[in-house]
Protein backbone atom coordinates (compact mmCIF):
# COMPACT_ATOMS: atom_id res chain seq x y z
CA MET A 1 0.00 0.00 0.00
CA PRO A 2 2.90 2.41 -0.47
CA GLU A 3 1.08 4.70 -2.91
CA TYR A 4 -1.63 5.61 -0.36
CA ALA A 5 -1.71 7.40 2.94
CA LEU A 6 -3.44 6.36 6.16
CA GLY A 7 -5.33 8.99 8.13
CA LEU A 8 -6.37 8.56 11.76
CA VAL A 9 -8.70 10.71 13.85
CA GLU A 10 -9.25 9.72 17.46
CA THR A 11 -12.20 11.11 19.42
CA ARG A 12 -13.87 10.62 22.74
CA GLY A 13 -17.46 9.52 22.17
CA LEU A 14 -19.47 8.19 19.27
CA ILE A 15 -21.05 11.46 18.14
CA ALA A 16 -17.70 13.16 17.58
CA ALA A 17 -16.43 10.08 15.72
CA ILE A 18 -19.44 9.96 13.43
CA GLU A 19 -19.20 13.68 12.74
CA ALA A 20 -15.47 13.34 11.98
CA ALA A 21 -16.03 10.37 9.65
CA ASP A 22 -18.79 12.22 7.81
CA ALA A 23 -16.67 15.34 7.37
CA MET A 24 -13.66 13.32 6.19
CA VAL A 25 -15.42 11.38 3.45
CA LYS A 26 -17.20 14.54 2.26
CA ALA A 27 -14.04 16.66 2.26
CA ALA A 28 -11.85 14.63 -0.09
CA ASN A 29 -11.59 11.49 -2.20
CA VAL A 30 -10.82 9.10 0.65
CA VAL A 31 -12.19 5.73 1.71
CA LEU A 32 -13.32 4.99 5.23
CA VAL A 33 -11.71 1.64 6.05
CA GLY A 34 -12.64 1.12 9.65
CA LYS A 35 -12.98 2.21 13.21
CA GLU A 36 -11.46 1.03 16.45
CA ARG A 37 -13.11 1.41 19.84
CA THR A 38 -11.42 1.20 23.22
CA ASP A 39 -13.07 0.94 26.62
CA PRO A 40 -12.96 4.55 27.77
CA ALA A 41 -15.17 5.52 24.78
CA MET A 42 -12.26 6.48 22.55
CA ILE A 43 -12.92 5.81 18.89
CA THR A 44 -10.34 5.96 16.09
CA ILE A 45 -11.59 6.46 12.54
CA LYS A 46 -9.29 5.15 9.77
CA ILE A 47 -9.25 6.41 6.17
CA VAL A 48 -6.98 5.84 3.18
CA GLY A 49 -6.38 7.77 -0.01
CA GLU A 50 -3.82 9.95 -1.70
CA THR A 51 -1.62 11.84 0.75
CA ALA A 52 -2.95 15.34 0.05
CA ALA A 53 -6.57 14.15 0.16
CA VAL A 54 -6.00 12.31 3.43
CA ARG A 55 -4.34 15.35 5.01
CA SER A 56 -7.23 17.65 4.08
CA ALA A 57 -9.80 15.04 5.15
CA VAL A 58 -8.12 14.57 8.54
CA ASP A 59 -8.07 18.35 9.06
CA ALA A 60 -11.77 18.56 8.20
CA GLY A 61 -12.59 15.61 10.45
CA ALA A 62 -10.63 17.08 13.34
CA ALA A 63 -12.43 20.42 13.04
CA ALA A 64 -15.82 18.69 12.89
CA ALA A 65 -15.07 16.49 15.90
CA GLN A 66 -13.96 19.49 17.96
CA ARG A 67 -17.24 21.28 17.21
CA VAL A 68 -19.43 18.52 18.68
CA GLY A 69 -17.21 16.61 21.08
CA THR A 70 -13.68 15.91 22.18
CA LEU A 71 -10.86 15.40 19.71
CA VAL A 72 -8.07 13.31 21.22
CA SER A 73 -5.54 13.20 18.36
CA THR A 74 -4.97 13.04 14.62
CA HIS A 75 -2.23 11.51 12.52
CA VAL A 76 -1.39 10.93 8.86
CA ILE A 77 1.01 8.19 7.76
CA PRO A 78 2.03 9.06 4.18
CA ARG A 79 3.10 5.60 3.00
CA PRO A 80 2.40 2.89 5.58
CA ALA A 81 4.56 -0.20 5.46
CA GLU A 82 2.96 -3.21 3.80
CA GLY A 83 3.28 -5.27 6.97
CA ILE A 84 0.76 -3.20 8.92
CA GLU A 85 -2.19 -3.94 6.62
CA ASP A 86 -3.61 -6.28 9.26
CA LEU A 87 -3.78 -3.34 11.66
CA ILE A 88 -5.44 -1.07 9.11
CA PHE A 89 -8.03 -3.45 7.68
CA ALA A 90 -10.30 -5.32 10.09
CA ARG A 91 -10.81 -9.05 9.58
CA GLY A 92 -13.82 -9.81 7.41
CA ALA A 93 -14.03 -6.21 6.27
CA ARG A 94 -12.82 -4.68 3.02
CA SER A 95 -9.64 -5.98 1.50
CA LEU A 96 -6.82 -3.83 0.18
CA ALA A 97 -7.88 -4.62 -3.40
CA ASP A 98 -11.44 -3.42 -2.70
CA VAL A 99 -10.18 -0.15 -1.26
CA GLU A 100 -7.77 0.42 -4.16
CA ALA A 101 -10.59 -0.16 -6.66
CA GLU A 102 -12.79 2.28 -4.78
CA LEU A 103 -10.06 4.92 -4.73
CA LEU A 104 -9.63 4.51 -8.47
CA GLY A 105 -13.31 5.27 -8.97
CA HIS A 106 -14.73 1.77 -9.41
CA ASP A 107 -16.83 1.73 -6.26
CA GLU A 108 -20.48 0.89 -5.85
CA ARG A 109 -21.30 4.36 -4.65
CA SER A 110 -20.60 5.82 -8.12
CA GLU A 111 -23.45 3.90 -9.69
CA ASP A 112 -24.04 6.59 -12.31
CA SER A 113 -20.54 6.32 -13.76
CA ASP A 114 -20.84 2.52 -13.88
CA GLU A 115 -24.15 2.84 -15.69
CA GLU A 116 -22.71 5.23 -18.25
CA ALA A 117 -19.92 2.74 -18.92
CA GLU A 118 -22.51 -0.01 -19.39
CA ASP A 119 -24.48 2.15 -21.80
CA ASP A 120 -21.49 3.04 -23.94
CA GLY A 121 -19.70 -0.31 -24.01
CA GLY A 122 -22.38 -2.90 -24.62
CA PRO A 123 -24.37 -3.62 -27.75
CA GLU A 124 -28.05 -2.72 -27.86
CA PRO A 125 -30.28 -5.58 -26.72
CA SER A 126 -31.98 -7.41 -29.57
CA GLU A 127 -35.75 -7.55 -29.68
CA PRO A 128 -37.08 -10.95 -28.59
CA GLU A 129 -39.10 -12.96 -31.08
CA GLY A 130 -42.83 -13.53 -30.71
CA LEU A 131 -43.78 -10.20 -29.13
CA ASN A 132 -47.13 -8.66 -29.99
CA ALA A 133 -47.26 -5.08 -31.29
CA GLU A 134 -47.92 -3.61 -27.84
CA ASP A 135 -44.95 -5.48 -26.29
CA GLN A 136 -42.71 -4.48 -29.22
CA ALA A 137 -43.53 -0.81 -28.58
CA TYR A 138 -42.81 -1.31 -24.86
CA PHE A 139 -39.51 -3.05 -25.71
CA ARG A 140 -38.44 -0.13 -27.94
CA LYS A 141 -39.36 2.32 -25.17
CA LEU A 142 -37.20 0.33 -22.70
CA ALA A 143 -34.32 0.08 -25.21
CA ALA A 144 -34.29 3.88 -25.52
CA MET A 145 -33.77 4.27 -21.75
CA SER A 146 -30.39 4.37 -20.04
CA VAL A 147 -29.55 1.73 -17.43
CA HIS A 148 -30.10 4.32 -14.70
CA GLU A 149 -33.58 5.13 -16.06
CA LEU A 150 -34.38 1.40 -16.37
CA ARG A 151 -33.37 0.79 -12.77
CA ARG A 152 -35.50 3.69 -11.55
CA HIS A 153 -38.43 2.41 -13.64
CA ALA A 154 -37.94 -1.18 -12.37
CA ARG A 155 -38.09 -0.08 -8.74
CA GLY A 156 -41.58 1.26 -9.35
CA ILE A 157 -42.95 -1.93 -10.94
CA SER A 158 -44.70 -4.54 -8.81
CA GLY A 159 -44.31 -8.22 -9.62
CA LEU A 160 -40.75 -7.83 -10.92
CA PRO A 161 -38.76 -11.11 -10.66
CA ILE A 162 -35.67 -9.25 -9.34
CA HIS A 163 -35.57 -7.08 -6.20
CA GLY A 164 -33.32 -4.68 -4.27
CA ARG A 165 -29.61 -5.10 -4.95
CA GLU A 166 -30.36 -7.40 -7.88
CA ILE A 167 -31.87 -4.39 -9.66
CA SER A 168 -28.77 -2.33 -8.86
CA ARG A 169 -26.46 -5.01 -10.25
CA ALA A 170 -28.52 -5.96 -13.30
CA ASN A 171 -27.33 -4.87 -16.75
CA LYS A 172 -29.60 -3.37 -19.39
CA GLN A 173 -30.51 -6.72 -21.00
CA GLU A 174 -31.42 -8.32 -17.66
CA LEU A 175 -33.53 -5.32 -16.65
CA MET A 176 -35.40 -5.29 -19.95
CA GLU A 177 -36.12 -9.04 -19.75
CA ALA A 178 -37.38 -8.70 -16.16
CA LEU A 179 -39.60 -5.75 -17.08
CA LEU A 180 -41.09 -7.65 -20.03
CA LYS A 181 -41.78 -10.68 -17.79
CA ALA A 182 -43.46 -8.46 -15.19
CA ARG A 183 -45.59 -6.84 -17.91
CA ASN A 184 -46.75 -10.21 -19.28
CA ASN A 185 -47.64 -11.61 -15.81
């Protein structure tokens, strides 16, 4: 992890920690990788990102924590040694590869950018055979929509065979097939 920095903000109390974490992720392109809690209600929030982004995020988090609670300390480690990854990343939580992908802009939170990539890269879905005129018109209407519009439309349809996260992960073809099935049922 030498190309990233680790930022730490330690607070006393949960409210200050939550406020610090919120301010940090809003202030710069950083990824919240965990929190550590000790018995006397001290909570350390851990973030990673590029060094300049981490420094500005830690400053913003420290200021926010001081406004609502007690700030204990802050620290930025510009290039942590690879051996301390076990201390940075909690067991069962995100892996280093997940965090690196998120920092490079391939995270789930940027759903719109993923959808634009899906729209541009894939071929247009082909019209299924055996549709009546009404279903053909509906299919063409769906094909004209972006993936984002299809997902929004799918969330408002009852009887859809896919739900929740499945809608978020479905590509254009899968969404169109599910919408056609729901229409015919």
